[in-house]
Amino acid sequence: GKDRVVPVTPKNYKALLKRFPVLALLHHRPPQGDRGALRHHEMEELVLELAAQVLEDKGVGFGLVDSEKDAAVAKKLGKGD
């Protein structure tokens, strides 16, 4: 299927803001090897994917901001360490 939840990076951040009238972002830390943490992260992504499917026609976009890989974007959003 179509992946509607996109990873937000410094390169695509501004383009996503222009593409969607409303952009919902989930700021997260990468799961740390623990099976439970990994499962929790997968469930969050599934819920976001479902929400994205429902709201796609309304112009709502969903993205994931990885606090480690995309620290520059996280900092712009005020979530940097």
Protein backbone atom coordinates (compact mmCIF):
# COMPACT_ATOMS: atom_id res chain seq x y z
CA GLY A 1 0.00 0.00 0.00
CA LYS A 2 0.79 3.65 -0.07
CA ASP A 3 2.88 4.98 2.82
CA ARG A 4 1.13 8.13 3.99
CA VAL A 5 3.27 8.84 7.05
CA VAL A 6 6.52 10.36 5.85
CA PRO A 7 9.81 10.75 7.66
CA VAL A 8 10.53 14.45 8.09
CA THR A 9 14.09 15.48 7.29
CA PRO A 10 15.83 18.83 6.95
CA LYS A 11 15.62 18.39 3.17
CA ASN A 12 11.87 17.77 2.91
CA TYR A 13 10.56 19.76 5.89
CA LYS A 14 9.71 22.97 4.04
CA ALA A 15 8.28 21.09 1.05
CA LEU A 16 5.94 19.18 3.36
CA LEU A 17 4.79 22.42 4.98
CA LYS A 18 3.90 23.75 1.53
CA ARG A 19 2.28 20.49 0.41
CA PHE A 20 -0.15 20.11 3.32
CA PRO A 21 -2.42 22.80 4.77
CA VAL A 22 -2.15 20.93 8.08
CA LEU A 23 0.90 18.86 8.99
CA ALA A 24 0.80 16.70 12.12
CA LEU A 25 4.19 15.56 13.35
CA LEU A 26 5.17 12.89 15.83
CA HIS A 27 8.50 13.65 17.44
CA HIS A 28 10.07 10.42 18.66
CA ARG A 29 13.28 8.84 19.76
CA PRO A 30 14.31 5.68 17.92
CA PRO A 31 13.28 2.50 19.74
CA GLN A 32 16.17 1.19 21.81
CA GLY A 33 16.43 -2.53 21.03
CA ASP A 34 13.84 -3.47 23.64
CA ARG A 35 11.15 -5.61 22.01
CA GLY A 36 8.38 -3.75 23.85
CA ALA A 37 9.69 -0.35 22.76
CA LEU A 38 9.96 -1.53 19.18
CA ARG A 39 6.40 -2.86 19.25
CA HIS A 40 5.16 0.41 20.76
CA HIS A 41 6.84 2.38 17.99
CA GLU A 42 5.30 0.12 15.33
CA MET A 43 1.84 0.59 16.86
CA GLU A 44 2.28 4.38 16.86
CA GLU A 45 3.15 4.24 13.17
CA LEU A 46 0.11 2.07 12.43
CA VAL A 47 -2.21 4.49 14.23
CA LEU A 48 -0.70 7.43 12.35
CA GLU A 49 -1.10 5.54 9.08
CA LEU A 50 -4.78 4.94 9.82
CA ALA A 51 -5.31 8.60 10.73
CA ALA A 52 -3.50 9.62 7.55
CA GLN A 53 -5.77 7.41 5.45
CA VAL A 54 -8.87 8.92 7.02
CA LEU A 55 -7.70 12.54 6.76
CA GLU A 56 -5.85 12.38 3.44
CA ASP A 57 -8.77 13.92 1.52
CA LYS A 58 -8.91 16.80 4.01
CA GLY A 59 -5.33 17.85 3.24
CA VAL A 60 -3.83 16.68 6.51
CA GLY A 61 -0.33 15.24 6.31
CA PHE A 62 1.47 13.15 8.90
CA GLY A 63 5.17 12.93 9.51
CA LEU A 64 7.67 11.37 11.87
CA VAL A 65 10.59 13.36 13.24
CA ASP A 66 13.41 11.19 14.55
CA SER A 67 15.07 13.17 17.34
CA GLU A 68 18.47 11.61 16.67
CA LYS A 69 18.62 11.32 12.88
CA ASP A 70 16.81 14.59 12.23
CA ALA A 71 18.07 16.73 15.08
CA ALA A 72 18.03 19.88 12.91
CA VAL A 73 14.28 19.56 12.30
CA ALA A 74 13.67 18.67 15.94
CA LYS A 75 15.55 21.81 16.98
CA LYS A 76 13.46 23.96 14.63
CA LEU A 77 10.37 22.56 16.30
CA GLY A 78 11.75 23.27 19.75
CA LYS A 79 12.26 19.61 20.62
CA GLY A 80 16.02 19.36 20.30
CA ASP A 81 18.10 18.13 23.21
